[in-house]
Protein backbone atom coordinates (compact mmCIF):
# COMPACT_ATOMS: atom_id res chain seq x y z
CA MET A 1 0.00 0.00 0.00
CA THR A 2 1.48 3.34 -1.05
CA LEU A 3 0.67 6.98 -0.44
CA GLY A 4 -0.38 7.16 -4.11
CA ASN A 5 -2.86 4.30 -3.66
CA LEU A 6 -4.50 6.06 -0.75
CA LEU A 7 -4.48 9.39 -2.54
CA ALA A 8 -6.46 7.92 -5.44
CA LYS A 9 -8.99 6.42 -3.04
CA LEU A 10 -9.32 9.65 -1.07
CA ARG A 11 -10.05 11.61 -4.27
CA ILE A 12 -12.95 9.26 -4.99
CA ARG A 13 -14.29 9.42 -1.42
CA LEU A 14 -14.27 13.21 -1.52
CA ASN A 15 -15.72 13.28 -5.07
CA ASP A 16 -12.79 15.48 -6.02
CA THR A 17 -10.85 13.50 -8.61
CA SER A 18 -9.67 16.68 -10.37
CA ASP A 19 -8.33 18.25 -7.13
CA GLY A 20 -10.65 21.23 -7.46
CA GLN A 21 -11.77 21.49 -3.83
CA TRP A 22 -8.56 20.24 -2.24
CA THR A 23 -5.14 20.23 -3.87
CA ALA A 24 -3.17 17.01 -4.21
CA ASN A 25 -0.65 18.29 -1.66
CA GLU A 26 -3.44 19.06 0.82
CA LYS A 27 -4.75 15.54 0.41
CA ARG A 28 -1.26 14.13 0.99
CA ASP A 29 -1.04 16.19 4.19
CA TYR A 30 -4.40 14.84 5.33
CA LEU A 31 -3.25 11.28 4.65
CA ASN A 32 0.00 11.78 6.56
CA ASN A 33 -1.88 13.26 9.52
CA ALA A 34 -4.39 10.43 9.32
CA ARG A 35 -1.59 7.85 9.32
CA LEU A 36 -0.01 9.46 12.37
CA ARG A 37 -3.31 9.76 14.27
CA THR A 38 -4.16 6.14 13.50
CA LEU A 39 -0.79 4.89 14.73
CA ILE A 40 -1.26 6.83 17.96
CA GLU A 41 -4.88 5.79 18.51
CA THR A 42 -4.20 2.11 17.81
CA ARG A 43 -0.96 2.17 19.78
CA SER A 44 0.55 0.11 16.97
CA TYR A 45 3.76 2.11 16.71
CA ILE A 46 4.97 2.52 20.28
CA GLY A 47 8.57 3.43 20.97
CA SER A 48 10.65 3.87 24.10
CA GLN A 49 13.56 6.03 25.09
CA SER A 50 15.98 5.78 28.02
CA ILE A 51 17.07 9.16 29.34
CA THR A 52 19.82 9.75 31.88
CA VAL A 53 18.57 11.49 35.03
CA VAL A 54 20.49 14.72 35.60
CA ALA A 55 20.55 16.28 39.07
CA GLY A 56 18.95 19.74 39.04
CA THR A 57 17.34 19.23 35.61
CA HIS A 58 13.54 18.94 35.43
CA THR A 59 12.82 19.11 31.65
CA TYR A 60 13.87 16.41 29.17
CA ASP A 61 13.54 15.66 25.45
CA SER A 62 12.25 12.20 24.67
CA SER A 63 12.98 12.18 20.93
CA PRO A 64 12.49 9.78 19.09
CA VAL A 65 9.35 9.34 21.20
CA PHE A 66 7.62 12.45 19.92
CA ILE A 67 4.52 12.48 22.14
CA PRO A 68 5.32 11.05 25.61
CA LYS A 69 2.45 8.93 26.91
CA ALA A 70 4.06 7.38 30.00
CA VAL A 71 7.22 7.95 32.05
CA ARG A 72 8.85 5.51 34.45
CA LEU A 73 11.81 5.97 36.80
CA CYS A 74 13.26 2.58 37.75
CA ASP A 75 10.35 0.69 39.32
CA ASP A 76 8.01 3.67 39.65
CA VAL A 77 5.51 4.80 37.02
CA LEU A 78 5.31 8.58 37.31
CA GLU A 79 1.82 10.04 37.59
CA PRO A 80 0.83 12.20 34.58
CA ARG A 81 -0.55 15.75 34.81
CA ARG A 82 -2.62 17.59 32.21
CA MET A 83 -0.92 20.14 29.98
CA ASP A 84 -3.81 22.63 30.36
CA SER A 85 -2.84 23.09 34.01
CA MET A 86 0.83 23.71 33.19
CA ALA A 87 0.98 27.38 34.23
CA MET A 88 -0.20 26.74 37.77
CA ILE A 89 1.77 23.50 38.09
CA ALA A 90 5.05 25.05 36.92
CA GLU A 91 4.84 27.79 39.53
CA ASN A 92 4.16 25.27 42.30
CA TRP A 93 6.82 22.85 41.11
CA ASP A 94 9.46 25.57 40.95
CA ALA A 95 8.97 26.13 44.68
CA LEU A 96 9.53 22.48 45.63
CA PRO A 97 12.93 21.31 46.86
CA GLU A 98 14.77 18.75 44.73
CA GLY A 99 13.99 15.10 45.38
CA ILE A 100 12.74 11.91 43.72
CA PRO A 101 10.40 12.60 40.76
CA THR A 102 6.89 11.19 41.15
CA VAL A 103 4.84 13.11 38.54
CA TRP A 104 5.36 14.41 34.99
CA ILE A 105 3.69 16.67 32.45
CA PRO A 106 4.12 17.03 28.65
CA THR A 107 5.38 20.46 27.64
CA GLY A 108 5.00 20.19 23.87
CA GLY A 109 6.43 18.03 21.11
CA SER A 110 8.76 15.40 22.55
CA ARG A 111 9.57 17.38 25.70
CA PHE A 112 8.29 16.74 29.22
CA ARG A 113 8.92 17.94 32.75
CA VAL A 114 9.17 15.89 35.95
CA SER A 115 8.60 16.86 39.55
CA ARG A 116 10.23 16.94 41.88
CA THR A 117 13.31 18.17 40.09
CA PRO A 118 15.78 15.25 40.45
CA SER A 119 18.25 15.59 43.30
CA VAL A 120 21.77 14.13 43.29
CA TYR A 121 20.30 11.13 45.12
CA ALA A 122 17.67 10.58 42.41
CA ALA A 123 20.34 10.77 39.71
CA SER A 124 22.80 8.39 41.41
CA ARG A 125 20.64 5.33 42.07
CA ILE A 126 21.63 2.00 40.52
CA GLY A 127 19.72 1.32 37.32
CA THR A 128 21.21 -2.01 36.26
CA ILE A 129 23.91 -4.24 37.67
CA ALA A 130 25.77 -7.08 35.94
CA LYS A 131 24.72 -10.56 37.05
CA ALA A 132 28.32 -11.76 37.09
CA PRO A 133 30.49 -10.03 39.71
CA THR A 134 33.73 -8.34 38.71
CA ALA A 135 35.46 -10.60 41.29
CA PRO A 136 33.66 -13.55 42.98
CA GLY A 137 35.43 -13.47 46.37
CA THR A 138 35.16 -16.46 48.73
CA GLY A 139 33.12 -17.70 51.68
CA TYR A 140 29.64 -16.59 50.57
CA LYS A 141 26.41 -18.56 50.61
CA GLU A 142 23.47 -18.52 48.23
CA GLY A 143 20.61 -16.38 49.61
CA GLU A 144 22.84 -14.02 51.60
CA LEU A 145 22.67 -10.27 51.03
CA LEU A 146 25.41 -7.84 50.00
CA ARG A 147 25.65 -4.11 50.56
CA VAL A 148 27.29 -2.17 47.75
CA LYS A 149 29.70 0.26 49.45
CA SER A 150 31.31 2.19 46.57
CA HIS A 151 29.81 5.63 47.19
CA GLN A 152 30.86 8.77 45.38
CA TRP A 153 30.42 10.68 48.61
CA SER A 154 29.17 10.20 52.18
CA GLY A 155 26.75 12.07 54.38
CA ASP A 156 23.08 12.40 55.26
CA GLY A 157 20.78 10.85 52.68
CA VAL A 158 23.20 8.24 51.38
CA VAL A 159 21.57 4.80 51.16
CA ASP A 160 23.29 1.48 50.42
CA ALA A 161 22.02 -0.70 47.59
CA ILE A 162 21.28 -4.30 48.56
CA LEU A 163 22.02 -7.31 46.36
CA ASP A 164 20.82 -10.92 46.56
CA ILE A 165 23.47 -13.61 46.12
CA VAL A 166 21.77 -15.86 43.57
CA ASP A 167 24.47 -18.49 43.01
CA VAL A 168 27.91 -19.44 44.39
CA ASP A 169 30.63 -21.90 43.41
CA GLY A 170 32.22 -24.63 45.54
CA SER A 171 34.49 -22.23 47.40
CA GLY A 172 31.75 -19.70 48.10
CA GLY A 173 32.70 -17.43 45.22
CA VAL A 174 29.71 -15.43 44.01
CA LEU A 175 28.61 -16.42 40.50
CA GLU A 176 25.50 -14.29 40.20
CA VAL A 177 23.87 -11.34 41.97
CA SER A 178 20.67 -9.39 41.49
CA LEU A 179 19.16 -6.23 42.92
CA SER A 180 17.23 -7.11 46.05
CA TRP A 181 13.68 -6.15 46.86
CA SER A 182 12.51 -4.27 49.95
CA GLU A 183 9.11 -3.44 51.38
CA THR A 184 7.98 0.17 51.68
CA ASN A 185 5.78 1.42 54.51
CA THR A 186 2.85 1.12 52.09
CA GLY A 187 3.54 -2.56 51.53
CA ARG A 188 4.85 -1.98 48.01
CA ARG A 189 7.94 -3.87 46.89
CA ILE A 190 10.72 -1.87 45.26
CA HIS A 191 14.29 -2.63 44.32
CA ALA A 192 16.80 -1.58 47.00
CA ARG A 193 18.82 0.55 44.55
CA GLY A 194 20.51 2.87 47.04
CA ASN A 195 22.10 6.12 45.81
CA ALA A 196 25.38 8.05 45.60
CA TYR A 197 26.86 5.70 42.98
CA ALA A 198 28.80 6.03 39.76
CA ALA A 199 28.61 3.37 37.05
CA GLY A 200 31.61 1.06 36.68
CA ALA A 201 33.18 -2.27 37.59
CA GLY A 202 34.95 -3.31 40.79
CA LYS A 203 32.50 -1.81 43.31
CA THR A 204 33.25 -3.19 46.77
CA THR A 205 30.60 -5.00 48.79
CA GLN A 206 30.04 -5.98 52.40
CA PRO A 207 27.95 -8.99 53.48
CA THR A 208 24.98 -8.18 55.71
CA THR A 209 25.36 -11.66 57.24
CA GLY A 210 28.03 -14.35 56.97
CA SER A 211 31.76 -13.94 56.55
CA GLY A 212 32.35 -13.86 52.81
CA THR A 213 34.98 -11.45 51.48
CA GLY A 214 36.30 -10.05 48.23
CA CYS A 215 33.22 -9.89 46.03
CA THR A 216 33.13 -6.80 43.81
CA VAL A 217 30.37 -5.96 41.36
CA ASN A 218 29.78 -4.04 38.14
CA ILE A 219 27.18 -1.23 38.07
CA THR A 220 26.39 -1.14 34.36
CA ALA A 221 24.08 1.91 34.42
CA LEU A 222 22.54 4.41 36.79
CA ALA A 223 18.81 5.02 37.02
CA LYS A 224 17.16 6.34 33.84
CA LEU A 225 13.82 7.81 32.89
CA GLU A 226 12.05 5.37 30.59
CA VAL A 227 9.64 7.19 28.28
CA TYR A 228 6.96 5.48 26.19
CA GLY A 229 4.83 6.76 23.34
CA PRO A 230 4.49 6.85 19.55
CA ALA A 231 7.88 6.76 17.87
CA SER A 232 8.77 9.50 15.41
CA VAL A 233 7.10 8.84 12.08
CA ASP A 234 8.43 10.77 9.08
CA ASP A 235 5.92 12.16 6.61
CA LEU A 236 5.60 10.31 3.32
CA THR A 237 6.38 12.65 0.44
CA SER A 238 6.45 10.45 -2.68
CA ASP A 239 3.35 8.69 -3.96
CA ASN A 240 5.53 5.57 -4.20
CA ASP A 241 6.33 5.61 -0.45
CA GLU A 242 5.01 2.50 1.26
CA ILE A 243 2.67 2.70 4.25
CA ASN A 244 3.54 -0.48 6.12
CA GLU A 245 2.61 0.18 9.76
CA ILE A 246 -1.08 -0.48 9.06
CA SER A 247 -2.11 -3.50 6.99
CA GLU A 248 -3.63 -2.92 3.54
CA ALA A 249 -6.82 -4.55 4.79
CA ARG A 250 -7.06 -1.74 7.31
CA SER A 251 -6.38 1.12 4.90
CA GLU A 252 -10.00 2.17 5.39
CA THR A 253 -9.03 3.39 8.84
CA ILE A 254 -6.50 5.88 7.47
CA LEU A 255 -8.93 6.99 4.76
CA LEU A 256 -11.62 7.73 7.34
CA ALA A 257 -9.26 9.92 9.33
CA ALA A 258 -8.03 11.67 6.16
CA GLU A 259 -11.59 12.34 5.01
CA GLU A 260 -12.38 13.79 8.41
CA GLU A 261 -9.35 16.10 8.10
CA ALA A 262 -10.50 17.25 4.67
CA TRP A 263 -14.04 18.08 5.82
CA ARG A 264 -12.80 19.92 8.88
CA ALA A 265 -10.51 21.99 6.66
CA ARG A 266 -13.57 23.29 4.73
CA PRO A 267 -15.98 24.42 7.49
CA SER A 268 -17.92 26.65 5.06
CA MET A 269 -18.97 23.71 2.88
CA ALA A 270 -22.52 22.55 3.51
CA GLY A 271 -22.63 19.52 5.81
CA SER A 272 -18.87 19.37 6.31
CA ALA A 273 -19.03 19.38 10.13
CA ALA A 274 -21.57 16.55 10.21
CA ARG A 275 -19.58 14.49 7.70
CA ALA A 276 -16.39 15.01 9.70
CA GLU A 277 -18.13 13.85 12.88
CA VAL A 278 -19.42 10.68 11.21
CA CYS A 279 -15.94 9.90 9.85
CA HIS A 280 -14.42 10.46 13.28
CA ASN A 281 -16.85 8.14 15.07
CA VAL A 282 -16.43 5.34 12.53
CA TRP A 283 -12.64 5.84 12.62
CA LEU A 284 -12.65 5.32 16.40
CA LEU A 285 -14.54 2.02 15.96
CA GLU A 286 -12.07 0.87 13.30
CA CYS A 287 -9.14 1.74 15.56
CA GLU A 288 -10.69 -0.33 18.32
CA LYS A 289 -10.86 -3.30 15.93
CA ILE A 290 -7.16 -2.91 15.14
CA ARG A 291 -6.27 -2.82 18.84
CA THR A 292 -8.30 -5.99 19.36
CA GLU A 293 -6.49 -7.71 16.49
CA LEU A 294 -3.12 -6.68 17.92
CA GLY A 295 -4.10 -7.77 21.43
CA ILE A 296 -3.75 -4.22 22.77
CA VAL A 297 -6.15 -3.48 25.63
């Protein structure tokens, strides 16, 4: 299915085969917008982006996710806020001290803002850790816990990360570790990621029980913001460009959205508003069918 195929069909639907009411370029714009809207509505072109958390920085660019739909920090899904309340929110958020972000708001395009503004402790939590230690050490037992002691600094607010010893060899050398879980005062389980770390190998550990020694571990990455939403979709410019994100059998869905765009662009034409509304409602039903086919709830 190409842009040219859809353009020919759209001309017939609009009874405008000679491009007298809408130019060919306008129709191509409507089809591109329709393609984008359909991908978003059906959630059939979802992308993700990992963004490094920077202490003191509250606004981030999630490109190539061009419209952020969800933001996660480690194990926590940040709560979204509506853009139409941005002015009041920004003023309130500016007054808050830095800390661990818990909410976010889109600020236009691929940009978004989190609150609270990340502190040094939010930016220095462990994101991922290698299963295999840098050095196995000796004398450990499976099921014991390790504290990761390689802090960048010390002082109030510093928290040790806790690791589970998953497997050991015959001499008690650690073969595999994983981030441990801890219970919050709300009963929610979260990874014990600690803070005040820098990524790198050879981080020293201390057993919370037992007498093992010498195990060092590799922090492969610090905590990141994980952003989800429609991935950037370039406009199709040539009539030979293939539209392959939506099956040809479902091309009707894109045509409905394009027809709606065309009618809304000519509000002075008799019946255009009513026709646009009908197209929109049927388009929503078709998008729901696509989500069902893809197993997207």
